[in-house]
């Protein structure tokens, strides 16, 4: 007798024969689950790598051309995990793939989609409760505690211990600096208020953190008349195109000399309007057209900076669009379309603005006492590869610490999923036959995390998982697979390898939600390829 799943059919469009025909629902579910599992398996070879140059799961999937709707939902899962938590996107996708593989076997065994969805939701909720009960609280106000946790955490760090320590310390200090700037203390740091910049000089171990905002100033636009320090500064933000020359547009109508003379007169009038507004510091955006700008535009920029310097106004030019958004938000200034629109409402504020020179000979402008608490980490390095690795390392530490502030609790890394699986299976005897089979399947699916990690380390994954099960069954709930020792250890807390509770909780919840969405999606839609 056919199973209940095989007896149900869905009417779909057969494009080849130009007709509508019934197709077993299980076949459509199977093809969708297969496509989603392919996407999950694509991330498994990169899982567990601490290479600073490695992309996150969300970045890898964003670079793939996926058209199947189930595969697209897996990409969306990685993106949501990355946007919400900033870490664990690969974990979420791999767990979701394991859930779907378990669901596929349950469908083959005759379980209904409704039963599978309900059991998966209950299993994920119970797993989250177990994780919360087993989590160990940490003191996020102690810099030494946070630094030690980061040192052993599975995050991207350089191989050199001294460089790793400096980058960790700089990232932790930047977050604690935001706490000191907040009048009522900080519940959860806004990582967008921490800027990471780089300078080609020295080594990663020379990296530093500065309270406030640090912007690099083009050396060819530094003039001797410009002020080097401004107290209680009003900051204006103007667009580069305000300095555009009319030479190219009106060359055939009037002489070049007259047009350039009018350009300079217009720039002088605009600078007077800037001075009249009370602005003491001016930020000028970078030319959006890049190499298409004319030589006259560059000359006009230098003339504008010169005029502003004579008026005792500091100017910083060549701001990228990303810098405009972040710096403008931190300073509280708005971009204006014409200097005549400069009012007190659109000007930003800073208690002090100073020009500082770096050891590499570059000119930087340091903003202190901004509207929003802000901090800047300057990463040093001798090559672009070292600079990119340093920026990524600092970003990883910031994400790790930010999740600790979100929920100041940690779980043992690389193996706690086996403890959750074991506790879930202890509930099975109290359930009916259908639910017990589903719960057991989804509990076993959680073990995909240590299995994949052992596989990528070149260790026998089956033996590692069996050993982890034995240790956890004996009551060693913190046992896990250590990347450093390349073996199962009794306590991941003792070797300093932990993960924020918020990361694994979010990964399991989003994985279960996505798996249920794929299972419950209307099976009558037109299937695409992966």
Protein backbone atom coordinates (compact mmCIF):
# COMPACT_ATOMS: atom_id res chain seq x y z
CA UNK A 1 0.00 0.00 0.00
CA UNK A 2 1.32 3.42 -0.92
CA UNK A 3 2.35 5.77 1.86
CA UNK A 4 0.19 8.85 2.61
CA UNK A 5 2.88 11.14 1.23
CA UNK A 6 2.98 9.20 -2.06
CA UNK A 7 -0.82 9.12 -2.49
CA UNK A 8 -1.21 12.91 -2.59
CA UNK A 9 -0.79 14.58 -5.96
CA UNK A 10 -0.37 18.13 -7.21
CA UNK A 11 -1.51 19.37 -10.62
CA UNK A 12 1.42 21.08 -12.38
CA UNK A 13 1.99 22.49 -15.83
CA UNK A 14 3.85 20.17 -18.22
CA UNK A 15 5.44 22.65 -20.64
CA UNK A 16 6.84 19.96 -22.93
CA UNK A 17 3.46 18.31 -23.64
CA UNK A 18 1.38 21.51 -23.22
CA UNK A 19 -0.91 20.01 -20.60
CA UNK A 20 -1.57 19.87 -16.89
CA UNK A 21 -0.79 16.56 -15.23
CA UNK A 22 -0.84 15.21 -11.67
CA UNK A 23 2.55 14.73 -10.01
CA UNK A 24 3.13 13.09 -6.61
CA UNK A 25 3.70 15.84 -4.03
CA UNK A 26 6.64 13.90 -2.63
CA UNK A 27 8.50 14.24 -5.95
CA UNK A 28 8.11 18.02 -5.93
CA UNK A 29 9.11 18.22 -2.28
CA UNK A 30 12.10 15.96 -2.95
CA UNK A 31 13.38 18.12 -5.81
CA UNK A 32 13.10 21.28 -3.71
CA UNK A 33 14.76 19.68 -0.68
CA UNK A 34 17.52 18.34 -2.92
CA UNK A 35 18.22 21.83 -4.33
CA UNK A 36 18.33 23.38 -0.84
CA UNK A 37 20.67 20.64 0.42
CA UNK A 38 23.04 21.26 -2.51
CA UNK A 39 23.35 24.88 -1.40
CA UNK A 40 24.01 23.81 2.20
CA UNK A 41 26.63 21.27 1.11
CA UNK A 42 28.39 23.96 -0.94
CA UNK A 43 29.34 25.71 2.32
CA UNK A 44 30.54 22.65 4.21
CA UNK A 45 34.13 22.58 2.79
CA UNK A 46 34.72 26.15 4.07
CA UNK A 47 33.22 25.58 7.52
CA UNK A 48 35.52 26.02 10.51
CA UNK A 49 38.34 27.81 8.69
CA UNK A 50 40.02 30.63 10.63
CA UNK A 51 41.73 32.03 7.55
CA UNK A 52 41.33 35.84 7.71
CA UNK A 53 40.90 35.90 3.92
CA UNK A 54 37.98 33.43 3.96
CA UNK A 55 34.58 34.82 3.08
CA UNK A 56 31.58 34.31 5.31
CA UNK A 57 28.82 31.93 4.31
CA UNK A 58 26.56 34.84 3.34
CA UNK A 59 29.29 36.33 1.13
CA UNK A 60 29.96 32.98 -0.58
CA UNK A 61 26.28 32.35 -1.35
CA UNK A 62 25.74 35.92 -2.56
CA UNK A 63 28.39 35.24 -5.20
CA UNK A 64 26.59 32.16 -6.56
CA UNK A 65 24.02 32.23 -9.34
CA UNK A 66 21.11 30.35 -7.76
CA UNK A 67 17.68 30.36 -9.42
CA UNK A 68 15.81 27.54 -7.68
CA UNK A 69 13.37 29.04 -5.17
CA UNK A 70 14.45 26.68 -2.37
CA UNK A 71 18.11 27.53 -3.01
CA UNK A 72 17.27 31.25 -2.95
CA UNK A 73 15.64 30.78 0.45
CA UNK A 74 18.89 29.25 1.73
CA UNK A 75 20.75 32.32 0.49
CA UNK A 76 18.20 34.50 2.28
CA UNK A 77 18.76 32.45 5.46
CA UNK A 78 22.50 33.18 5.37
CA UNK A 79 21.83 36.85 4.71
CA UNK A 80 19.35 37.16 7.60
CA UNK A 81 21.73 35.43 10.03
CA UNK A 82 24.54 37.74 8.95
CA UNK A 83 22.42 40.90 9.20
CA UNK A 84 20.88 39.94 12.55
CA UNK A 85 23.88 38.47 14.39
CA UNK A 86 26.84 39.13 12.08
CA UNK A 87 28.20 35.60 12.50
CA UNK A 88 27.14 31.99 12.10
CA UNK A 89 25.71 32.24 8.58
CA UNK A 90 27.45 29.01 7.51
CA UNK A 91 26.27 27.26 10.69
CA UNK A 92 22.65 28.27 10.06
CA UNK A 93 22.71 27.07 6.45
CA UNK A 94 24.43 23.76 7.28
CA UNK A 95 21.98 23.01 10.12
CA UNK A 96 19.05 23.89 7.85
CA UNK A 97 20.41 21.50 5.21
CA UNK A 98 20.62 18.73 7.82
CA UNK A 99 17.04 19.46 8.94
CA UNK A 100 15.86 19.18 5.33
CA UNK A 101 17.73 15.92 4.78
CA UNK A 102 16.04 14.50 7.87
CA UNK A 103 12.67 15.80 6.64
CA UNK A 104 13.24 14.13 3.27
CA UNK A 105 13.76 10.75 4.93
CA UNK A 106 10.66 11.29 7.06
CA UNK A 107 8.62 12.09 3.96
CA UNK A 108 9.84 8.90 2.34
CA UNK A 109 8.70 7.05 5.44
CA UNK A 110 5.16 8.37 5.07
CA UNK A 111 5.14 11.24 7.56
CA UNK A 112 2.94 14.19 6.63
CA UNK A 113 4.36 17.66 6.07
CA UNK A 114 2.22 19.09 8.88
CA UNK A 115 3.60 16.57 11.40
CA UNK A 116 7.17 17.21 10.31
CA UNK A 117 6.78 21.00 10.52
CA UNK A 118 5.24 20.83 14.00
CA UNK A 119 7.95 18.49 15.32
CA UNK A 120 10.73 20.61 13.83
CA UNK A 121 9.36 23.76 15.46
CA UNK A 122 9.00 22.03 18.84
CA UNK A 123 12.49 20.50 18.55
CA UNK A 124 14.10 23.86 17.76
CA UNK A 125 12.28 25.59 20.63
CA UNK A 126 13.32 22.86 23.07
CA UNK A 127 16.93 23.02 21.83
CA UNK A 128 17.00 26.78 22.40
CA UNK A 129 15.69 26.33 25.97
CA UNK A 130 18.40 23.75 26.64
CA UNK A 131 21.10 26.05 25.27
CA UNK A 132 19.89 28.91 27.45
CA UNK A 133 19.89 26.70 30.55
CA UNK A 134 23.41 25.39 29.85
CA UNK A 135 24.95 28.76 28.89
CA UNK A 136 27.63 30.18 31.15
CA UNK A 137 27.32 33.92 32.03
CA UNK A 138 30.28 36.24 31.42
CA UNK A 139 31.17 39.69 32.73
CA UNK A 140 31.22 41.95 29.65
CA UNK A 141 32.44 44.90 31.71
CA UNK A 142 35.82 43.23 32.36
CA UNK A 143 38.23 43.87 29.43
CA UNK A 144 40.50 40.98 30.46
CA UNK A 145 37.62 38.49 30.41
CA UNK A 146 36.48 39.61 26.96
CA UNK A 147 40.04 39.60 25.58
CA UNK A 148 40.68 36.06 26.83
CA UNK A 149 37.40 34.83 25.33
CA UNK A 150 38.31 36.37 21.96
CA UNK A 151 41.76 34.80 22.02
CA UNK A 152 40.37 31.26 22.04
CA UNK A 153 37.19 31.88 20.04
CA UNK A 154 36.79 30.38 16.54
CA UNK A 155 37.19 33.72 14.75
CA UNK A 156 39.47 35.00 12.01
CA UNK A 157 42.83 36.05 13.47
CA UNK A 158 46.42 36.30 12.15
CA UNK A 159 48.82 33.43 12.85
CA UNK A 160 51.21 35.76 14.68
CA UNK A 161 50.18 35.74 18.39
CA UNK A 162 51.41 39.30 19.02
CA UNK A 163 49.43 40.68 16.06
CA UNK A 164 46.33 38.75 17.14
CA UNK A 165 46.61 40.10 20.66
CA UNK A 166 46.98 43.71 19.47
CA UNK A 167 44.03 43.47 17.07
CA UNK A 168 41.83 41.87 19.75
CA UNK A 169 42.79 44.52 22.29
CA UNK A 170 42.12 47.33 19.80
CA UNK A 171 38.68 45.95 18.91
CA UNK A 172 37.72 45.41 22.57
CA UNK A 173 38.98 48.87 23.55
CA UNK A 174 36.95 50.47 20.76
CA UNK A 175 33.73 48.90 22.11
CA UNK A 176 34.54 49.83 25.71
CA UNK A 177 35.30 53.35 24.50
CA UNK A 178 31.73 53.59 23.19
CA UNK A 179 30.54 52.54 26.65
CA UNK A 180 32.54 55.35 28.28
CA UNK A 181 31.11 57.91 25.84
CA UNK A 182 27.51 56.82 26.49
CA UNK A 183 26.01 58.94 29.30
CA UNK A 184 23.81 56.15 30.68
CA UNK A 185 26.09 53.25 29.85
CA UNK A 186 25.72 50.88 26.90
CA UNK A 187 23.26 48.02 26.76
CA UNK A 188 24.36 46.75 23.33
CA UNK A 189 27.06 48.46 21.25
CA UNK A 190 26.15 49.83 17.85
CA UNK A 191 28.98 48.36 15.78
CA UNK A 192 28.19 50.83 12.99
CA UNK A 193 29.64 53.53 15.26
CA UNK A 194 33.06 51.86 15.08
CA UNK A 195 35.01 52.62 11.92
CA UNK A 196 37.86 50.40 10.70
CA UNK A 197 40.46 52.17 8.57
CA UNK A 198 43.85 51.01 7.35
CA UNK A 199 47.24 52.55 6.63
CA UNK A 200 50.10 50.93 4.77
CA UNK A 201 52.86 51.13 7.35
CA UNK A 202 54.51 48.83 9.89
CA UNK A 203 52.85 45.57 10.96
CA UNK A 204 49.48 44.47 12.27
CA UNK A 205 50.92 44.68 15.78
CA UNK A 206 51.22 48.48 15.31
CA UNK A 207 47.43 48.87 15.02
CA UNK A 208 45.77 51.37 17.37
CA UNK A 209 42.34 52.58 18.47
CA UNK A 210 41.24 56.22 18.65
CA UNK A 211 38.24 57.63 20.45
CA UNK A 212 36.09 59.51 17.93
CA UNK A 213 36.40 59.69 14.14
CA UNK A 214 39.62 59.59 12.15
CA UNK A 215 39.64 60.70 8.49
CA UNK A 216 42.63 60.71 6.16
CA UNK A 217 43.32 64.04 4.50
CA UNK A 218 44.84 64.19 0.97
CA UNK A 219 48.37 65.54 1.39
CA UNK A 220 48.24 67.48 -1.89
CA UNK A 221 45.34 69.57 -0.51
CA UNK A 222 46.99 70.52 2.78
CA UNK A 223 47.70 74.25 2.82
CA UNK A 224 49.80 76.24 5.25
CA UNK A 225 46.91 78.64 5.96
CA UNK A 226 44.51 75.94 7.16
CA UNK A 227 43.83 75.66 10.90
CA UNK A 228 45.24 72.52 12.54
CA UNK A 229 42.87 72.55 15.52
CA UNK A 230 39.26 73.67 15.95
CA UNK A 231 37.37 73.67 19.27
CA UNK A 232 33.55 73.36 19.42
CA UNK A 233 33.46 72.91 15.67
CA UNK A 234 30.36 73.13 13.47
CA UNK A 235 30.77 70.69 10.57
CA UNK A 236 29.30 71.11 7.08
CA UNK A 237 29.00 68.39 4.42
CA UNK A 238 28.99 69.48 0.75
CA UNK A 239 29.00 67.59 -2.53
CA UNK A 240 31.91 67.63 -4.97
CA UNK A 241 29.68 68.60 -7.92
CA UNK A 242 29.20 72.07 -6.39
CA UNK A 243 32.77 72.70 -7.59
CA UNK A 244 32.17 71.49 -11.16
CA UNK A 245 33.56 73.74 -13.86
CA UNK A 246 31.44 74.98 -16.79
CA UNK A 247 34.36 74.88 -19.22
CA UNK A 248 33.26 71.70 -20.97
CA UNK A 249 29.63 72.79 -21.35
CA UNK A 250 30.13 76.37 -22.50
CA UNK A 251 33.52 76.20 -24.22
CA UNK A 252 32.06 77.05 -27.61
CA UNK A 253 29.99 80.01 -26.40
CA UNK A 254 32.50 82.01 -24.39
CA UNK A 255 36.22 82.15 -23.89
CA UNK A 256 37.87 79.72 -21.51
CA UNK A 257 39.38 82.54 -19.49
CA UNK A 258 36.00 84.14 -18.77
CA UNK A 259 34.46 80.82 -17.74
CA UNK A 260 37.31 80.04 -15.33
CA UNK A 261 37.03 83.55 -13.88
CA UNK A 262 33.34 83.01 -13.24
CA UNK A 263 34.10 79.63 -11.64
CA UNK A 264 36.45 81.24 -9.17
CA UNK A 265 33.98 84.00 -8.39
CA UNK A 266 31.22 81.45 -7.78
CA UNK A 267 33.48 79.37 -5.52
CA UNK A 268 34.46 82.44 -3.50
CA UNK A 269 30.80 83.37 -2.99
CA UNK A 270 30.02 79.79 -1.92
CA UNK A 271 32.90 79.85 0.58
CA UNK A 272 31.55 83.11 2.01
CA UNK A 273 28.16 81.46 2.50
CA UNK A 274 29.89 78.57 4.29
CA UNK A 275 31.68 81.00 6.60
CA UNK A 276 28.45 82.91 7.22
CA UNK A 277 26.74 79.69 8.36
CA UNK A 278 29.23 79.33 11.19
CA UNK A 279 30.84 76.12 9.87
CA UNK A 280 34.48 75.73 10.94
CA UNK A 281 35.07 72.32 9.32
CA UNK A 282 33.92 71.32 5.83
CA UNK A 283 33.72 67.77 4.48
CA UNK A 284 33.79 67.52 0.67
CA UNK A 285 32.70 64.29 -1.01
CA UNK A 286 34.74 62.52 -3.65
CA UNK A 287 34.06 63.04 -7.35
CA UNK A 288 31.41 60.47 -8.26
CA UNK A 289 32.60 60.34 -11.89
CA UNK A 290 36.17 59.37 -11.01
CA UNK A 291 38.54 59.77 -13.96
CA UNK A 292 35.90 61.60 -16.00
CA UNK A 293 36.45 64.79 -14.03
CA UNK A 294 38.32 67.54 -15.84
CA UNK A 295 41.51 69.21 -14.74
CA UNK A 296 39.54 72.37 -14.07
CA UNK A 297 37.48 70.51 -11.44
CA UNK A 298 40.63 69.52 -9.57
CA UNK A 299 41.89 73.09 -9.77
CA UNK A 300 38.55 74.36 -8.45
CA UNK A 301 38.80 71.97 -5.50
CA UNK A 302 42.24 73.28 -4.61
CA UNK A 303 40.99 76.85 -4.95
CA UNK A 304 38.02 76.09 -2.70
CA UNK A 305 40.27 74.55 -0.03
CA UNK A 306 42.59 77.58 -0.31
CA UNK A 307 39.71 80.07 0.12
CA UNK A 308 38.34 78.15 3.10
CA UNK A 309 41.80 78.03 4.72
CA UNK A 310 42.13 81.82 4.36
CA UNK A 311 38.78 82.07 6.15
CA UNK A 312 40.13 79.90 9.01
CA UNK A 313 38.01 76.91 7.96
CA UNK A 314 39.41 73.35 7.87
CA UNK A 315 38.49 71.31 4.75
CA UNK A 316 38.69 67.54 4.24
CA UNK A 317 38.01 66.30 0.72
CA UNK A 318 37.71 63.01 -1.21
CA UNK A 319 35.18 61.36 1.12
CA UNK A 320 33.78 58.10 -0.27
CA UNK A 321 30.00 57.66 -0.36
CA UNK A 322 30.19 55.04 2.44
CA UNK A 323 32.18 57.51 4.56
CA UNK A 324 29.65 60.25 3.88
CA UNK A 325 26.82 58.13 5.27
CA UNK A 326 28.65 56.90 8.38
CA UNK A 327 30.52 60.11 9.23
CA UNK A 328 27.49 62.28 8.53
CA UNK A 329 25.38 60.15 10.87
CA UNK A 330 27.97 60.20 13.66
CA UNK A 331 28.55 63.95 13.40
CA UNK A 332 24.87 64.73 12.93
CA UNK A 333 25.33 66.72 9.72
CA UNK A 334 23.19 66.47 6.58
CA UNK A 335 24.29 66.75 2.97
CA UNK A 336 23.10 69.96 1.29
CA UNK A 337 22.54 70.82 -2.38
CA UNK A 338 23.84 74.40 -2.14
CA UNK A 339 25.81 76.40 0.45
CA UNK A 340 22.87 78.79 0.79
CA UNK A 341 20.98 75.95 2.51
CA UNK A 342 23.52 75.74 5.34
CA UNK A 343 21.68 76.29 8.62
CA UNK A 344 22.24 75.29 12.21
CA UNK A 345 19.92 72.31 11.65
CA UNK A 346 22.11 70.70 8.97
CA UNK A 347 25.48 71.34 10.62
CA UNK A 348 27.19 68.61 12.62
CA UNK A 349 28.99 69.05 15.92
CA UNK A 350 32.34 68.00 17.38
CA UNK A 351 33.94 69.15 20.62
CA UNK A 352 37.37 69.21 19.03
CA UNK A 353 38.89 68.63 15.59
CA UNK A 354 42.67 68.22 15.29
CA UNK A 355 45.05 67.47 12.44
CA UNK A 356 47.48 64.69 13.35
CA UNK A 357 50.38 63.18 11.42
CA UNK A 358 50.85 59.43 11.33
CA UNK A 359 54.25 57.66 11.42
CA UNK A 360 53.76 56.89 7.72
CA UNK A 361 53.69 60.62 6.96
CA UNK A 362 49.96 60.81 6.19
CA UNK A 363 47.75 63.64 7.43
CA UNK A 364 44.71 62.61 9.45
CA UNK A 365 41.90 64.66 10.96
CA UNK A 366 40.68 63.52 14.40
CA UNK A 367 37.11 64.35 15.52
CA UNK A 368 36.47 64.05 19.27
CA UNK A 369 33.18 64.51 21.11
CA UNK A 370 30.81 63.75 18.24
CA UNK A 371 27.00 63.71 18.47
CA UNK A 372 26.94 59.91 18.61
CA UNK A 373 29.55 57.85 20.51
CA UNK A 374 32.19 56.81 18.00
CA UNK A 375 35.53 55.04 17.80
CA UNK A 376 38.08 54.28 15.07
CA UNK A 377 40.46 51.33 14.76
CA UNK A 378 43.51 52.01 12.55
CA UNK A 379 44.90 48.77 11.12
CA UNK A 380 48.53 48.83 10.00
CA UNK A 381 50.31 46.45 7.66
CA UNK A 382 53.04 46.25 5.05
CA UNK A 383 50.89 44.76 2.26
CA UNK A 384 47.32 44.96 1.04
CA UNK A 385 46.82 41.32 2.00
CA UNK A 386 47.93 42.01 5.58
CA UNK A 387 45.72 45.11 5.75
CA UNK A 388 42.68 43.21 4.46
CA UNK A 389 43.31 40.39 6.94
CA UNK A 390 43.66 42.88 9.79
CA UNK A 391 40.43 44.66 8.90
CA UNK A 392 38.59 41.34 8.75
CA UNK A 393 40.09 40.20 12.07
CA UNK A 394 38.97 43.37 13.83
CA UNK A 395 35.52 43.01 12.28
CA UNK A 396 35.27 39.41 13.53
CA UNK A 397 36.25 40.42 17.06
CA UNK A 398 33.75 43.29 17.04
CA UNK A 399 30.98 40.92 15.98
CA UNK A 400 31.96 38.38 18.65
CA UNK A 401 32.02 40.97 21.44
CA UNK A 402 28.86 42.64 20.16
CA UNK A 403 27.02 39.32 20.49
CA UNK A 404 28.32 38.99 24.06
CA UNK A 405 26.80 42.37 24.88
CA UNK A 406 23.55 41.29 23.20
CA UNK A 407 23.38 38.23 25.49
CA UNK A 408 26.28 37.93 28.01
CA UNK A 409 26.39 34.13 27.95
CA UNK A 410 28.61 31.62 26.17
CA UNK A 411 28.38 27.97 25.16
CA UNK A 412 31.24 25.50 24.65
CA UNK A 413 32.38 25.70 21.05
CA UNK A 414 32.62 22.93 18.46
CA UNK A 415 30.55 20.18 20.06
CA UNK A 416 27.75 21.49 22.22
CA UNK A 417 25.34 20.49 19.45
CA UNK A 418 25.90 16.87 20.55
CA UNK A 419 24.80 17.78 24.10
CA UNK A 420 21.64 19.39 22.72
CA UNK A 421 21.00 16.31 20.56
CA UNK A 422 21.46 13.99 23.54
CA UNK A 423 19.04 15.95 25.74
CA UNK A 424 16.45 16.10 22.96
CA UNK A 425 16.58 12.33 22.50
CA UNK A 426 16.03 11.83 26.23
CA UNK A 427 12.51 13.19 25.69
CA UNK A 428 11.68 10.61 23.01
CA UNK A 429 10.27 7.85 25.31
CA UNK A 430 7.50 10.23 26.45
CA UNK A 431 6.31 10.92 22.87
CA UNK A 432 4.09 8.97 20.52
CA UNK A 433 5.61 6.93 17.67
CA UNK A 434 5.28 9.59 14.92
CA UNK A 435 6.66 12.43 17.04
CA UNK A 436 9.45 10.33 18.54
CA UNK A 437 10.76 9.40 15.10
CA UNK A 438 10.69 13.05 13.97
CA UNK A 439 12.37 14.38 17.12
CA UNK A 440 15.10 11.74 16.90
CA UNK A 441 15.78 12.62 13.26
CA UNK A 442 16.05 16.36 13.93
CA UNK A 443 18.13 15.82 17.08
CA UNK A 444 20.62 13.77 15.07
CA UNK A 445 20.64 16.53 12.43
CA UNK A 446 22.24 18.94 14.93
CA UNK A 447 25.34 16.73 14.99
CA UNK A 448 26.14 17.88 11.45
CA UNK A 449 28.18 20.75 12.96
CA UNK A 450 30.92 18.68 14.70
CA UNK A 451 30.70 16.11 11.89
CA UNK A 452 31.52 18.74 9.25
CA UNK A 453 34.23 20.31 11.39
CA UNK A 454 35.96 16.95 11.89
CA UNK A 455 35.67 16.25 8.18
CA UNK A 456 37.36 19.53 7.28
CA UNK A 457 40.14 18.90 9.82
CA UNK A 458 40.98 15.60 8.14
CA UNK A 459 39.74 13.54 11.09
CA UNK A 460 37.32 10.57 10.85
CA UNK A 461 33.95 12.30 11.37
CA UNK A 462 31.99 9.22 12.42
CA UNK A 463 34.52 8.34 15.12
CA UNK A 464 34.63 11.93 16.37
CA UNK A 465 30.84 12.13 16.69
CA UNK A 466 30.70 8.75 18.46
CA UNK A 467 33.39 9.91 20.90
CA UNK A 468 31.51 13.15 21.55
CA UNK A 469 28.33 11.20 22.22
CA UNK A 470 30.21 8.99 24.71
CA UNK A 471 31.73 11.97 26.54
CA UNK A 472 28.41 13.83 26.77
CA UNK A 473 26.57 10.69 27.88
CA UNK A 474 29.08 10.50 30.77
CA UNK A 475 28.11 14.00 31.87
CA UNK A 476 30.90 16.00 30.19
CA UNK A 477 28.51 18.60 28.78
CA UNK A 478 31.37 20.94 27.78
CA UNK A 479 33.27 18.31 25.75
CA UNK A 480 34.06 19.33 22.18
CA UNK A 481 36.40 19.10 19.23
CA UNK A 482 39.38 21.41 19.66
CA UNK A 483 40.85 22.96 16.52
CA UNK A 484 44.11 23.62 18.34
CA UNK A 485 44.55 20.09 19.73
CA UNK A 486 42.88 18.37 16.75
CA UNK A 487 41.12 16.02 19.16
CA UNK A 488 38.12 15.76 21.46
CA UNK A 489 38.78 17.46 24.82
CA UNK A 490 36.90 17.18 28.12
CA UNK A 491 36.05 20.88 28.41
CA UNK A 492 36.07 23.54 25.72
CA UNK A 493 35.90 26.14 28.50
CA UNK A 494 39.30 24.98 29.73
CA UNK A 495 40.91 25.42 26.31
CA UNK A 496 39.19 28.83 25.92
CA UNK A 497 37.03 27.95 22.90
CA UNK A 498 33.50 29.25 23.36
CA UNK A 499 30.77 30.77 21.23
CA UNK A 500 28.21 33.45 22.15
CA UNK A 501 24.81 32.00 23.03
CA UNK A 502 23.11 34.47 20.67
CA UNK A 503 24.88 33.02 17.61
CA UNK A 504 23.83 29.37 18.02
CA UNK A 505 20.32 30.27 19.21
CA UNK A 506 19.72 32.45 16.16
CA UNK A 507 21.23 29.84 13.81
CA UNK A 508 18.92 27.05 15.09
CA UNK A 509 15.83 29.24 15.11
CA UNK A 510 16.38 30.64 11.61
CA UNK A 511 17.36 27.21 10.26
CA UNK A 512 14.14 25.63 11.58
CA UNK A 513 12.02 28.53 10.29
CA UNK A 514 13.57 28.34 6.82
CA UNK A 515 13.24 24.56 6.66
CA UNK A 516 9.54 24.82 7.53
CA UNK A 517 9.04 27.51 4.90
CA UNK A 518 10.61 25.27 2.27
CA UNK A 519 8.54 22.29 3.39
CA UNK A 520 5.32 24.28 3.48
CA UNK A 521 5.85 26.28 0.30
CA UNK A 522 3.14 25.95 -2.32
CA UNK A 523 4.29 22.92 -4.30
CA UNK A 524 2.35 24.02 -7.37
CA UNK A 525 4.89 26.71 -8.32
CA UNK A 526 7.05 26.28 -11.37
CA UNK A 527 10.32 24.66 -10.38
CA UNK A 528 13.59 26.32 -11.44
CA UNK A 529 17.10 24.96 -11.64
CA UNK A 530 19.82 25.33 -9.08
